[in-house]
Amino acid sequence: MTWYDEALFYHIYPLGLLGAEKQNPYGEVQHRLKNLKPWIAHLKDLGVGGLYIGPLFESEGHGYETTDYRRVDSRLGSNEDLKEFVRECHENGIRVVLDGVFNHTGRNFFAFRDLKENRENSRYRDWYCNVNFRGNNEYNDGFSYDNWGGYNLLVKLNQKNPEVVNYILDTIRFWVSEFDIDGIRLDTADVLDFDFMRAMRSLADEVKPDFWLMGEVIHGEYQRWVNPSTLHSVTDYPLHKALYSGHNDHNYFEIAHTLNRFMQNGIDCTKLYSFADNHDVERIYNKLNDKRCWEPVHILLFCLPGIPSIYYGSEFAVEGKKERWSDDSIRPALDLDELLSKENPYYEVVKALGKIYRNEKALVYGEYRQLHLTTGQYIFARGDVMIGVNNADQEAAAEVRCPDGVYHGALHGGTYRAENGVLHFNLPACGGEILIPEGKSRPEYKPVKAVIKKEMKKEEKLPEIPKDVNLSKPYEEMSVPELQAAILAKMAANGPVTDRKKQDVAENVYRDSLLNWVRSFR
């Protein structure tokens, strides 16, 4: 097996964490990457084996409108700074994966600047999709083009053009030779050309042993992307959604059925990149109705089949609410010393889970077996390790069939004995436990004593179902709010629209995802 199969990942959005300017002044280089050194020690302490960090390269604003793929964003540092950062990560046993924004470029990218200047005579006109010199846009370019998500700031590259493909492949070679990176997370992989991804997979096998390709895919048949000829992994958005809504709705069937559906469709869930939150969605702390469910959410994140990831700051229960026109709240600047200076029960839970995950290889390679499932309790095994979670407001007595012997609670302590093939144990309210059989070689786990106090999510006003949506308007011409309105109207036509459904629509502000969603209605 490979390093990425066993790694606990950590995800950093550097422009936010390091407090960079929102818009790039293209001025003097700011060596902010050097301020990440204390975070390397923090990651090592958590047991992190892989760091996904990005975007890192020169861009106009939020980082995904690239203007130079081979120069570190001047707001963050220099190429030498990144080279030194990766070297220090490697010295601490941490592999580094960068953000690959290859679906589109910014408008200040050299090829697009040439297109604006030379128009029909530009040698780069075929680097972009559907350039139409009879059209126009809000920038008054005198031509139109395909973009990502309805944003003309993000100009879609033509991945069928061999010049474009070779340029990107040479960029990846440059990243490996210059910075010694270990993999790439492919932005918007759900709209990348499959031949393009196959070319990247061939290159990955060439540039470095165990070079990892992980794609951002929100919806779809994941096996189309995760297979021997395309990508190694994709983001597990269905599990992300199930983790918080399964606890908010007190419905563990949603989480278990999400996993079972994948397995029935032939998807190897151990290859999927799991997360409770990331740089595009609301922080898990804000999503949970009862904050105590933080513990069972993270037990499942670490113990269900998948490659677990922590988004920077969320191990401390940092807050961040998704806003319609800004992601600043979920991508904040943080002071690590300040976060570590305070006792924090959320951090204690994540740190303990990191140690367990690092030492218990059954949580990586062990066969998944469902042992017990109700709306409030969920117990399963990974190999010879048993995991139980409880979303109820009171302690729950559990009974499962398992081999006779003594089992130790790795998270909270306690010893339990299975006799005649039956084990009885208790699951704490809004909590859980990981049971390790005695006799297995294992470190001594210090029981987590910190208590996450009961705190309920504040009531929020949910969006109303619009009554005057023009559903005859082509979906491609709709704005994000119009697409959200159309989805709610379609839902209403099919039956009652629950608060959970309204919330799911309100939180989805991605045009391509909304287009796929609204088209799915019959």
Protein backbone atom coordinates (compact mmCIF):
# COMPACT_ATOMS: atom_id res chain seq x y z
CA MET A 1 0.00 0.00 0.00
CA THR A 2 1.04 3.64 -0.38
CA TRP A 3 1.61 6.61 1.92
CA TYR A 4 -1.69 8.24 0.95
CA ASP A 5 -3.71 5.15 1.84
CA GLU A 6 -2.55 5.49 5.46
CA ALA A 7 -2.22 9.25 5.86
CA LEU A 8 -4.33 11.54 7.97
CA PHE A 9 -4.57 14.70 5.87
CA TYR A 10 -4.64 18.34 6.88
CA HIS A 11 -6.00 21.03 4.58
CA ILE A 12 -4.68 24.61 4.58
CA TYR A 13 -6.01 27.52 2.52
CA PRO A 14 -2.84 29.65 2.77
CA LEU A 15 -4.13 33.02 1.53
CA GLY A 16 -6.66 32.96 4.36
CA LEU A 17 -4.61 31.40 7.14
CA LEU A 18 -1.70 33.78 6.53
CA GLY A 19 -3.86 36.91 6.26
CA ALA A 20 -2.91 37.81 2.71
CA GLU A 21 -4.48 40.75 0.87
CA LYS A 22 -7.78 39.89 -0.82
CA GLN A 23 -6.59 41.31 -4.14
CA ASN A 24 -3.07 40.81 -5.41
CA PRO A 25 -1.15 44.12 -5.59
CA TYR A 26 1.60 42.38 -7.59
CA GLY A 27 4.10 44.24 -5.48
CA GLU A 28 7.04 43.24 -3.35
CA VAL A 29 7.17 39.58 -2.31
CA GLN A 30 5.72 38.97 1.16
CA HIS A 31 7.42 35.97 2.78
CA ARG A 32 4.35 34.75 4.65
CA LEU A 33 4.99 31.06 3.95
CA LYS A 34 7.75 31.19 6.56
CA ASN A 35 5.03 31.79 9.17
CA LEU A 36 3.76 28.25 8.56
CA LYS A 37 6.74 26.66 10.32
CA PRO A 38 4.92 26.34 13.71
CA TRP A 39 2.04 24.67 11.91
CA ILE A 40 4.37 21.89 10.74
CA ALA A 41 5.06 20.94 14.37
CA HIS A 42 1.33 21.15 15.09
CA LEU A 43 0.55 18.78 12.21
CA LYS A 44 3.18 16.33 13.39
CA ASP A 45 1.67 16.44 16.89
CA LEU A 46 -1.75 15.59 15.42
CA GLY A 47 -0.31 12.63 13.54
CA VAL A 48 -0.82 14.18 10.11
CA GLY A 49 0.93 12.37 7.25
CA GLY A 50 -0.28 14.45 4.31
CA LEU A 51 -0.79 18.19 3.84
CA TYR A 52 -3.06 19.50 1.11
CA ILE A 53 -2.21 23.18 0.73
CA GLY A 54 -3.38 25.64 -1.89
CA PRO A 55 -3.88 27.50 -4.03
CA LEU A 56 -0.28 28.75 -3.94
CA PHE A 57 0.54 30.24 -7.31
CA GLU A 58 0.29 33.80 -8.61
CA SER A 59 -3.33 34.83 -8.96
CA GLU A 60 -5.57 37.85 -8.96
CA GLY A 61 -7.60 37.33 -5.80
CA HIS A 62 -8.82 34.17 -4.10
CA GLY A 63 -6.17 32.02 -5.78
CA TYR A 64 -8.26 30.12 -8.30
CA GLU A 65 -7.82 32.69 -11.09
CA THR A 66 -4.20 31.74 -11.83
CA THR A 67 -1.96 34.22 -13.62
CA ASP A 68 1.34 32.29 -13.38
CA TYR A 69 1.52 28.55 -12.68
CA ARG A 70 5.26 28.59 -12.06
CA ARG A 71 5.62 31.46 -9.62
CA VAL A 72 4.45 31.37 -6.01
CA ASP A 73 1.88 34.05 -5.26
CA SER A 74 3.82 37.15 -4.21
CA ARG A 75 1.41 37.63 -1.30
CA LEU A 76 2.67 34.32 0.12
CA GLY A 77 6.35 34.22 -0.73
CA SER A 78 8.90 33.11 -3.30
CA ASN A 79 9.62 29.81 -5.01
CA GLU A 80 12.51 29.36 -2.60
CA ASP A 81 10.11 29.80 0.33
CA LEU A 82 7.87 27.01 -0.97
CA LYS A 83 10.85 24.76 -1.66
CA GLU A 84 12.04 25.26 1.94
CA PHE A 85 8.54 24.68 3.33
CA VAL A 86 8.14 21.35 1.50
CA ARG A 87 11.61 20.28 2.65
CA GLU A 88 10.71 20.95 6.30
CA CYS A 89 7.44 19.06 5.90
CA HIS A 90 9.32 16.07 4.50
CA GLU A 91 11.79 16.19 7.38
CA ASN A 92 8.81 15.84 9.72
CA GLY A 93 7.27 12.92 7.83
CA ILE A 94 4.58 14.98 6.11
CA ARG A 95 3.93 14.63 2.36
CA VAL A 96 2.76 17.74 0.49
CA VAL A 97 -0.07 17.97 -2.06
CA LEU A 98 -0.67 21.19 -3.99
CA ASP A 99 -3.83 22.62 -5.53
CA GLY A 100 -3.86 22.15 -9.32
CA VAL A 101 -6.19 24.72 -10.89
CA PHE A 102 -6.05 23.42 -14.46
CA ASN A 103 -9.63 23.84 -15.64
CA HIS A 104 -9.37 27.61 -16.04
CA THR A 105 -7.00 30.56 -15.76
CA GLY A 106 -7.35 34.15 -14.66
CA ARG A 107 -7.70 36.95 -17.17
CA ASN A 108 -4.12 38.10 -16.52
CA PHE A 109 -2.64 34.77 -17.59
CA PHE A 110 -0.21 35.28 -20.50
CA ALA A 111 -2.31 33.35 -23.03
CA PHE A 112 -5.46 35.30 -22.29
CA ARG A 113 -3.62 38.63 -22.37
CA ASP A 114 -2.37 37.72 -25.84
CA LEU A 115 -5.91 36.79 -26.88
CA LYS A 116 -7.22 40.20 -25.79
CA GLU A 117 -4.43 41.99 -27.61
CA ASN A 118 -4.34 40.03 -30.87
CA ARG A 119 -7.89 38.67 -31.02
CA GLU A 120 -8.38 36.47 -34.13
CA ASN A 121 -4.63 36.52 -34.80
CA SER A 122 -3.65 35.29 -31.33
CA ARG A 123 -1.78 32.00 -31.39
CA TYR A 124 -3.54 31.23 -28.10
CA ARG A 125 -7.12 31.62 -29.31
CA ASP A 126 -7.54 27.83 -29.23
CA TRP A 127 -6.19 27.59 -25.72
CA TYR A 128 -9.66 28.55 -24.48
CA CYS A 129 -13.10 27.08 -25.08
CA ASN A 130 -15.66 28.57 -27.46
CA VAL A 131 -14.04 31.93 -28.06
CA ASN A 132 -16.62 33.92 -30.02
CA PHE A 133 -15.53 37.22 -31.57
CA ARG A 134 -19.15 38.12 -32.30
CA GLY A 135 -19.95 38.12 -28.59
CA ASN A 136 -19.03 40.29 -25.62
CA ASN A 137 -18.99 40.22 -21.83
CA GLU A 138 -19.09 42.47 -18.78
CA TYR A 139 -15.41 43.34 -19.32
CA ASN A 140 -16.24 44.63 -22.81
CA ASP A 141 -13.58 42.41 -24.39
CA GLY A 142 -15.41 42.36 -27.67
CA PHE A 143 -15.62 38.57 -27.55
CA SER A 144 -17.09 35.89 -25.30
CA TYR A 145 -15.79 32.53 -24.05
CA ASP A 146 -16.64 29.61 -21.80
CA ASN A 147 -15.94 30.00 -18.10
CA TRP A 148 -16.32 28.09 -14.87
CA GLY A 149 -19.43 28.54 -12.76
CA GLY A 150 -20.74 31.53 -14.73
CA TYR A 151 -17.75 33.68 -13.74
CA ASN A 152 -15.91 35.28 -16.67
CA LEU A 153 -13.02 35.91 -14.28
CA LEU A 154 -12.31 32.16 -14.63
CA VAL A 155 -11.58 31.48 -18.30
CA LYS A 156 -12.01 27.81 -19.26
CA LEU A 157 -8.97 26.16 -20.81
CA ASN A 158 -9.38 23.91 -23.85
CA GLN A 159 -8.13 20.57 -22.54
CA LYS A 160 -8.53 19.03 -26.00
CA ASN A 161 -5.73 21.26 -27.27
CA PRO A 162 -2.39 19.33 -27.16
CA GLU A 163 -0.50 22.57 -26.48
CA VAL A 164 -2.58 23.22 -23.38
CA VAL A 165 -2.19 19.64 -22.17
CA ASN A 166 1.58 19.71 -22.68
CA TYR A 167 1.85 23.06 -20.91
CA ILE A 168 0.02 21.68 -17.86
CA LEU A 169 2.03 18.46 -17.87
CA ASP A 170 5.27 20.47 -18.05
CA THR A 171 3.97 22.57 -15.15
CA ILE A 172 3.49 19.43 -13.06
CA ARG A 173 7.01 18.28 -13.96
CA PHE A 174 8.26 21.69 -12.86
CA TRP A 175 6.42 21.45 -9.53
CA VAL A 176 7.94 18.05 -8.83
CA SER A 177 11.50 18.98 -9.85
CA GLU A 178 11.42 22.45 -8.26
CA PHE A 179 9.45 21.82 -5.05
CA ASP A 180 9.53 18.00 -4.64
CA ILE A 181 5.77 17.76 -4.10
CA ASP A 182 4.00 14.43 -3.57
CA GLY A 183 0.67 14.92 -5.28
CA ILE A 184 -1.96 17.28 -6.67
CA ARG A 185 -5.55 18.02 -5.74
CA LEU A 186 -7.33 18.79 -9.00
CA ASP A 187 -9.73 21.69 -8.70
CA THR A 188 -13.16 21.17 -10.35
CA ALA A 189 -12.23 17.68 -11.50
CA ASP A 190 -15.89 16.98 -12.23
CA VAL A 191 -15.64 19.19 -15.35
CA LEU A 192 -12.13 18.19 -16.48
CA ASP A 193 -11.71 16.29 -19.74
CA PHE A 194 -11.17 12.57 -19.10
CA ASP A 195 -8.41 12.23 -21.70
CA PHE A 196 -6.66 15.12 -19.95
CA MET A 197 -6.91 13.31 -16.62
CA ARG A 198 -5.60 10.10 -18.18
CA ALA A 199 -2.59 12.02 -19.44
CA MET A 200 -1.98 13.35 -15.93
CA ARG A 201 -2.26 9.85 -14.49
CA SER A 202 0.40 8.59 -16.91
CA LEU A 203 2.60 11.50 -15.89
CA ALA A 204 1.99 10.83 -12.18
CA ASP A 205 3.27 7.30 -12.62
CA GLU A 206 6.35 8.74 -14.33
CA VAL A 207 7.43 11.68 -12.15
CA LYS A 208 7.52 10.08 -8.70
CA PRO A 209 6.66 6.78 -7.02
CA ASP A 210 3.26 7.00 -5.31
CA PHE A 211 2.49 10.45 -6.73
CA TRP A 212 -1.15 11.09 -5.75
CA LEU A 213 -3.94 12.62 -7.84
CA MET A 214 -7.10 13.60 -5.95
CA GLY A 215 -10.01 15.29 -7.69
CA GLU A 216 -12.68 17.68 -6.46
CA VAL A 217 -15.92 15.96 -7.49
CA ILE A 218 -19.20 16.94 -5.86
CA HIS A 219 -21.78 14.69 -7.55
CA GLY A 220 -21.61 11.75 -9.93
CA GLU A 221 -20.56 8.15 -10.28
CA TYR A 222 -17.24 8.28 -8.49
CA GLN A 223 -15.85 5.18 -10.19
CA ARG A 224 -15.72 7.22 -13.42
CA TRP A 225 -12.91 9.22 -11.82
CA VAL A 226 -11.35 6.78 -9.34
CA ASN A 227 -9.83 3.95 -11.35
CA PRO A 228 -6.40 2.79 -12.56
CA SER A 229 -6.42 5.08 -15.62
CA THR A 230 -7.57 8.42 -14.17
CA LEU A 231 -7.41 9.53 -10.51
CA HIS A 232 -6.45 7.84 -7.25
CA SER A 233 -9.13 9.58 -5.18
CA VAL A 234 -11.96 12.10 -5.19
CA THR A 235 -13.69 14.18 -2.53
CA ASP A 236 -16.48 12.35 -0.69
CA TYR A 237 -19.19 15.01 -0.65
CA PRO A 238 -22.08 12.57 0.01
CA LEU A 239 -20.40 11.43 3.25
CA HIS A 240 -19.67 15.06 4.18
CA LYS A 241 -23.36 15.88 3.92
CA ALA A 242 -24.41 12.70 5.73
CA LEU A 243 -22.03 13.33 8.64
CA TYR A 244 -23.69 16.55 9.75
CA SER A 245 -27.29 15.92 8.67
CA GLY A 246 -27.24 12.39 10.07
CA HIS A 247 -26.52 13.90 13.49
CA ASN A 248 -28.76 16.95 13.16
CA ASP A 249 -31.67 14.73 12.10
CA HIS A 250 -30.76 11.94 14.58
CA ASN A 251 -30.64 9.52 11.67
CA TYR A 252 -27.66 7.19 11.45
CA PHE A 253 -29.40 5.33 8.63
CA GLU A 254 -28.40 8.20 6.31
CA ILE A 255 -24.69 7.75 7.08
CA ALA A 256 -24.72 3.95 6.93
CA HIS A 257 -26.80 3.88 3.75
CA THR A 258 -24.50 6.40 2.07
CA LEU A 259 -21.60 4.02 2.67
CA ASN A 260 -23.59 0.90 1.73
CA ARG A 261 -24.80 2.50 -1.51
CA PHE A 262 -21.23 3.24 -2.54
CA MET A 263 -20.09 -0.30 -1.81
CA GLN A 264 -23.06 -1.81 -3.66
CA ASN A 265 -22.09 0.26 -6.70
CA GLY A 266 -18.57 -1.13 -6.61
CA ILE A 267 -16.88 1.98 -5.19
CA ASP A 268 -13.88 1.38 -2.95
CA CYS A 269 -14.64 3.83 -0.15
CA THR A 270 -11.12 3.50 1.27
CA LYS A 271 -9.94 5.53 -1.76
CA LEU A 272 -12.29 8.48 -1.14
CA TYR A 273 -11.10 11.69 0.52
CA SER A 274 -13.30 12.25 3.58
CA PHE A 275 -13.87 15.56 5.35
CA ALA A 276 -16.22 17.24 7.80
CA ASP A 277 -15.57 20.67 6.26
CA ASN A 278 -13.26 22.44 3.83
CA HIS A 279 -12.54 25.84 2.25
CA ASP A 280 -15.79 25.79 0.25
CA VAL A 281 -18.36 24.80 2.89
CA GLU A 282 -19.50 26.03 6.28
CA ARG A 283 -17.42 24.95 9.26
CA ILE A 284 -18.64 21.75 10.93
CA TYR A 285 -19.01 23.57 14.25
CA ASN A 286 -21.58 25.91 12.70
CA LYS A 287 -23.44 23.09 10.95
CA LEU A 288 -24.11 20.96 14.03
CA ASN A 289 -27.34 21.63 15.90
CA ASP A 290 -25.94 20.09 19.10
CA LYS A 291 -22.22 20.83 19.39
CA ARG A 292 -21.65 17.69 21.45
CA CYS A 293 -22.14 15.70 18.24
CA TRP A 294 -18.70 16.99 17.27
CA GLU A 295 -17.28 13.85 18.88
CA PRO A 296 -19.30 11.19 17.02
CA VAL A 297 -18.89 13.12 13.74
CA HIS A 298 -15.11 12.94 14.07
CA ILE A 299 -15.09 9.34 15.29
CA LEU A 300 -16.89 8.43 12.06
CA LEU A 301 -14.59 10.65 9.99
CA PHE A 302 -11.54 8.81 11.32
CA CYS A 303 -13.00 5.30 11.44
CA LEU A 304 -15.28 4.82 8.42
CA PRO A 305 -13.56 3.67 5.22
CA GLY A 306 -11.91 6.66 3.60
CA ILE A 307 -8.91 8.99 3.76
CA PRO A 308 -9.71 11.43 6.62
CA SER A 309 -8.89 15.13 6.40
CA ILE A 310 -9.00 18.03 8.88
CA TYR A 311 -9.56 21.59 7.65
CA TYR A 312 -7.22 24.08 9.32
CA GLY A 313 -8.58 25.39 12.60
CA SER A 314 -11.55 23.06 12.73
CA GLU A 315 -9.71 20.84 15.21
CA PHE A 316 -10.21 23.78 17.61
CA ALA A 317 -13.88 24.22 16.61
CA VAL A 318 -13.12 27.47 14.80
CA GLU A 319 -16.35 28.98 13.52
CA GLY A 320 -17.08 29.96 9.93
CA LYS A 321 -20.43 30.51 8.30
CA LYS A 322 -20.94 30.19 4.56
CA GLU A 323 -22.02 33.52 3.12
CA ARG A 324 -23.66 34.02 -0.25
CA TRP A 325 -21.05 36.30 -1.79
CA SER A 326 -17.99 35.77 0.39
CA ASP A 327 -15.93 32.86 1.72
CA ASP A 328 -13.87 35.03 4.09
CA SER A 329 -15.60 33.67 7.18
CA ILE A 330 -14.61 30.06 6.42
CA ARG A 331 -11.04 31.02 5.37
CA PRO A 332 -9.82 33.15 8.30
CA ALA A 333 -6.37 34.16 9.47
CA LEU A 334 -5.51 32.23 12.64
CA ASP A 335 -2.96 32.55 15.43
CA LEU A 336 -1.79 29.04 16.33
CA ASP A 337 -0.19 30.08 19.62
CA GLU A 338 -3.44 31.65 20.74
CA LEU A 339 -5.43 28.55 19.78
CA LEU A 340 -3.05 26.23 21.64
CA SER A 341 -2.92 28.45 24.74
CA LYS A 342 -6.48 27.58 25.79
CA GLU A 343 -7.93 24.29 26.97
CA ASN A 344 -10.13 23.01 24.19
CA PRO A 345 -12.15 19.77 24.41
CA TYR A 346 -12.65 19.66 20.63
CA TYR A 347 -8.91 19.69 20.07
CA GLU A 348 -8.40 16.97 22.69
CA VAL A 349 -10.82 14.69 20.85
CA VAL A 350 -9.19 15.24 17.44
CA LYS A 351 -5.69 14.81 18.85
CA ALA A 352 -6.67 11.53 20.51
CA LEU A 353 -8.33 10.28 17.33
CA GLY A 354 -5.22 11.16 15.35
CA LYS A 355 -3.08 8.97 17.60
CA ILE A 356 -5.55 6.08 17.38
CA TYR A 357 -5.77 6.35 13.61
CA ARG A 358 -1.99 6.45 13.25
CA ASN A 359 -1.52 3.29 15.34
CA GLU A 360 -4.52 1.12 14.49
CA LYS A 361 -4.00 -0.05 10.91
CA ALA A 362 -7.36 -1.80 11.05
CA LEU A 363 -8.88 1.67 10.62
CA VAL A 364 -7.08 1.85 7.25
CA TYR A 365 -7.12 -1.71 5.95
CA GLY A 366 -9.70 -3.49 8.10
CA GLU A 367 -12.82 -4.87 6.47
CA TYR A 368 -15.96 -2.84 7.24
CA ARG A 369 -18.80 -4.76 8.89
CA GLN A 370 -22.02 -3.17 10.15
CA LEU A 371 -22.90 -4.64 13.57
CA HIS A 372 -25.80 -2.55 14.87
CA LEU A 373 -27.85 0.31 13.41
CA THR A 374 -30.69 2.43 14.73
CA THR A 375 -31.54 6.08 14.23
CA GLY A 376 -29.59 6.90 17.41
CA GLN A 377 -26.78 4.33 17.58
CA TYR A 378 -24.38 2.98 14.96
CA ILE A 379 -21.82 0.26 15.65
CA PHE A 380 -19.49 -1.25 13.10
CA ALA A 381 -16.15 -3.04 12.90
CA ARG A 382 -12.97 -2.36 10.95
CA GLY A 383 -11.14 -5.64 11.13
CA ASP A 384 -10.95 -6.58 14.82
CA VAL A 385 -11.58 -3.00 16.04
CA MET A 386 -15.15 -2.04 16.96
CA ILE A 387 -16.49 1.51 16.73
CA GLY A 388 -19.72 2.79 18.25
CA VAL A 389 -21.37 6.21 18.13
CA ASN A 390 -24.48 7.63 19.75
CA ASN A 391 -26.38 10.78 18.74
CA ALA A 392 -28.96 10.56 21.52
CA ASP A 393 -29.19 13.00 24.42
CA GLN A 394 -28.62 10.20 26.93
CA GLU A 395 -26.21 7.31 27.41
CA ALA A 396 -27.10 4.23 25.40
CA ALA A 397 -26.57 0.57 26.29
CA ALA A 398 -25.16 -1.42 23.39
CA GLU A 399 -24.95 -5.14 22.64
CA VAL A 400 -23.02 -6.68 19.76
CA ARG A 401 -21.86 -10.12 18.75
CA CYS A 402 -18.08 -10.50 18.61
CA PRO A 403 -15.28 -12.92 19.56
CA ASP A 404 -14.92 -13.57 23.29
CA GLY A 405 -12.25 -11.61 25.07
CA VAL A 406 -11.38 -8.30 26.70
CA TYR A 407 -11.76 -4.99 24.82
CA HIS A 408 -10.32 -1.64 25.85
CA GLY A 409 -11.80 1.78 25.11
CA ALA A 410 -9.10 3.70 23.21
CA LEU A 411 -10.86 7.07 23.35
CA HIS A 412 -12.40 7.30 26.82
CA GLY A 413 -10.91 4.30 28.59
CA GLY A 414 -12.81 1.47 30.22
CA THR A 415 -12.54 -2.30 29.88
CA TYR A 416 -15.27 -4.62 28.62
CA ARG A 417 -15.48 -8.41 28.37
CA ALA A 418 -17.28 -10.35 25.65
CA GLU A 419 -18.66 -13.70 26.82
CA ASN A 420 -20.53 -16.32 24.82
CA GLY A 421 -20.02 -14.21 21.72
CA VAL A 422 -21.76 -11.12 23.13
CA LEU A 423 -20.28 -7.80 24.28
CA HIS A 424 -22.20 -5.30 26.41
CA PHE A 425 -20.96 -1.72 26.77
CA ASN A 426 -22.30 1.82 27.09
CA LEU A 427 -22.03 4.68 24.62
CA PRO A 428 -21.91 8.19 26.12
CA ALA A 429 -24.57 10.73 25.17
CA CYS A 430 -23.64 12.43 21.89
CA GLY A 431 -20.39 10.50 21.93
CA GLY A 432 -18.76 7.22 21.11
CA GLU A 433 -15.95 4.77 21.68
CA ILE A 434 -13.33 2.76 19.81
CA LEU A 435 -12.80 -0.72 21.26
CA ILE A 436 -9.44 -2.46 20.79
CA PRO A 437 -9.09 -6.18 21.59
CA GLU A 438 -6.64 -7.05 24.36
CA GLY A 439 -3.46 -8.80 23.37
CA LYS A 440 -2.98 -6.73 20.29
CA SER A 441 0.25 -4.74 20.19
CA ARG A 442 -0.81 -1.16 20.84
CA PRO A 443 0.36 1.98 22.66
CA GLU A 444 -1.26 3.12 25.85
CA TYR A 445 -4.00 5.57 24.96
CA LYS A 446 -4.63 8.37 27.42
CA PRO A 447 -8.40 8.61 27.94
CA VAL A 448 -10.00 11.86 26.84
CA LYS A 449 -11.45 13.51 29.93
CA ALA A 450 -12.40 16.85 28.37
CA VAL A 451 -16.14 17.30 28.08
CA ILE A 452 -17.84 19.06 25.17
CA LYS A 453 -20.68 20.99 26.77
CA LYS A 454 -24.20 20.99 25.41
CA GLU A 455 -24.67 24.00 23.15
CA MET A 456 -27.43 24.29 20.59
CA LYS A 457 -27.23 25.96 17.21
CA LYS A 458 -29.01 29.28 17.01
CA GLU A 459 -32.18 29.31 14.96
CA GLU A 460 -31.66 30.66 11.46
CA LYS A 461 -34.19 31.97 8.99
CA LEU A 462 -34.47 29.52 6.13
CA PRO A 463 -35.11 30.62 2.54
CA GLU A 464 -38.73 30.78 1.46
CA ILE A 465 -39.97 28.92 -1.60
CA PRO A 466 -40.32 31.50 -4.39
CA LYS A 467 -43.73 31.75 -6.02
CA ASP A 468 -42.76 33.61 -9.19
CA VAL A 469 -39.83 31.69 -10.67
CA ASN A 470 -39.79 31.64 -14.46
CA LEU A 471 -39.10 27.95 -15.01
CA SER A 472 -39.33 28.41 -18.77
CA LYS A 473 -36.08 30.42 -18.73
CA PRO A 474 -33.11 28.25 -19.86
CA TYR A 475 -31.20 27.03 -16.84
CA GLU A 476 -27.92 28.03 -18.48
CA GLU A 477 -29.07 31.67 -18.37
CA MET A 478 -30.07 31.60 -14.70
CA SER A 479 -28.02 33.20 -11.93
CA VAL A 480 -27.12 31.28 -8.76
CA PRO A 481 -30.11 32.71 -6.81
CA GLU A 482 -32.43 31.89 -9.72
CA LEU A 483 -31.16 28.31 -9.88
CA GLN A 484 -31.67 27.95 -6.12
CA ALA A 485 -35.20 29.29 -6.53
CA ALA A 486 -35.88 26.91 -9.41
CA ILE A 487 -34.70 23.91 -7.36
CA LEU A 488 -36.93 24.87 -4.43
CA ALA A 489 -39.87 25.30 -6.78
CA LYS A 490 -39.21 21.90 -8.35
CA MET A 491 -39.04 20.35 -4.90
CA ALA A 492 -42.32 21.98 -3.92
CA ALA A 493 -43.99 20.54 -7.01
CA ASN A 494 -42.95 17.05 -5.91
CA GLY A 495 -44.09 17.29 -2.29
CA PRO A 496 -43.36 18.98 1.06
CA VAL A 497 -40.06 20.87 1.30
CA THR A 498 -38.42 20.26 4.68
CA ASP A 499 -36.17 22.71 6.51
CA ARG A 500 -33.26 20.36 5.81
CA LYS A 501 -33.92 20.54 2.05
CA LYS A 502 -34.16 24.34 2.21
CA GLN A 503 -30.86 24.49 4.08
CA ASP A 504 -29.13 22.21 1.57
CA VAL A 505 -30.23 24.48 -1.28
CA ALA A 506 -29.20 27.66 0.56
CA GLU A 507 -25.72 26.28 1.28
CA ASN A 508 -25.05 25.30 -2.33
CA VAL A 509 -23.76 28.41 -4.13
CA TYR A 510 -21.91 26.62 -6.93
CA ARG A 511 -23.48 27.20 -10.33
CA ASP A 512 -22.31 23.99 -12.02
CA SER A 513 -23.53 21.91 -9.10
CA LEU A 514 -26.88 23.73 -9.10
CA LEU A 515 -27.24 23.20 -12.85
CA ASN A 516 -26.73 19.46 -12.43
CA TRP A 517 -29.17 19.44 -9.52
CA VAL A 518 -32.01 21.29 -11.27
CA ARG A 519 -31.61 19.15 -14.40
CA SER A 520 -32.02 16.00 -12.30
CA PHE A 521 -35.72 16.68 -11.67
CA ARG A 522 -38.19 14.86 -13.87
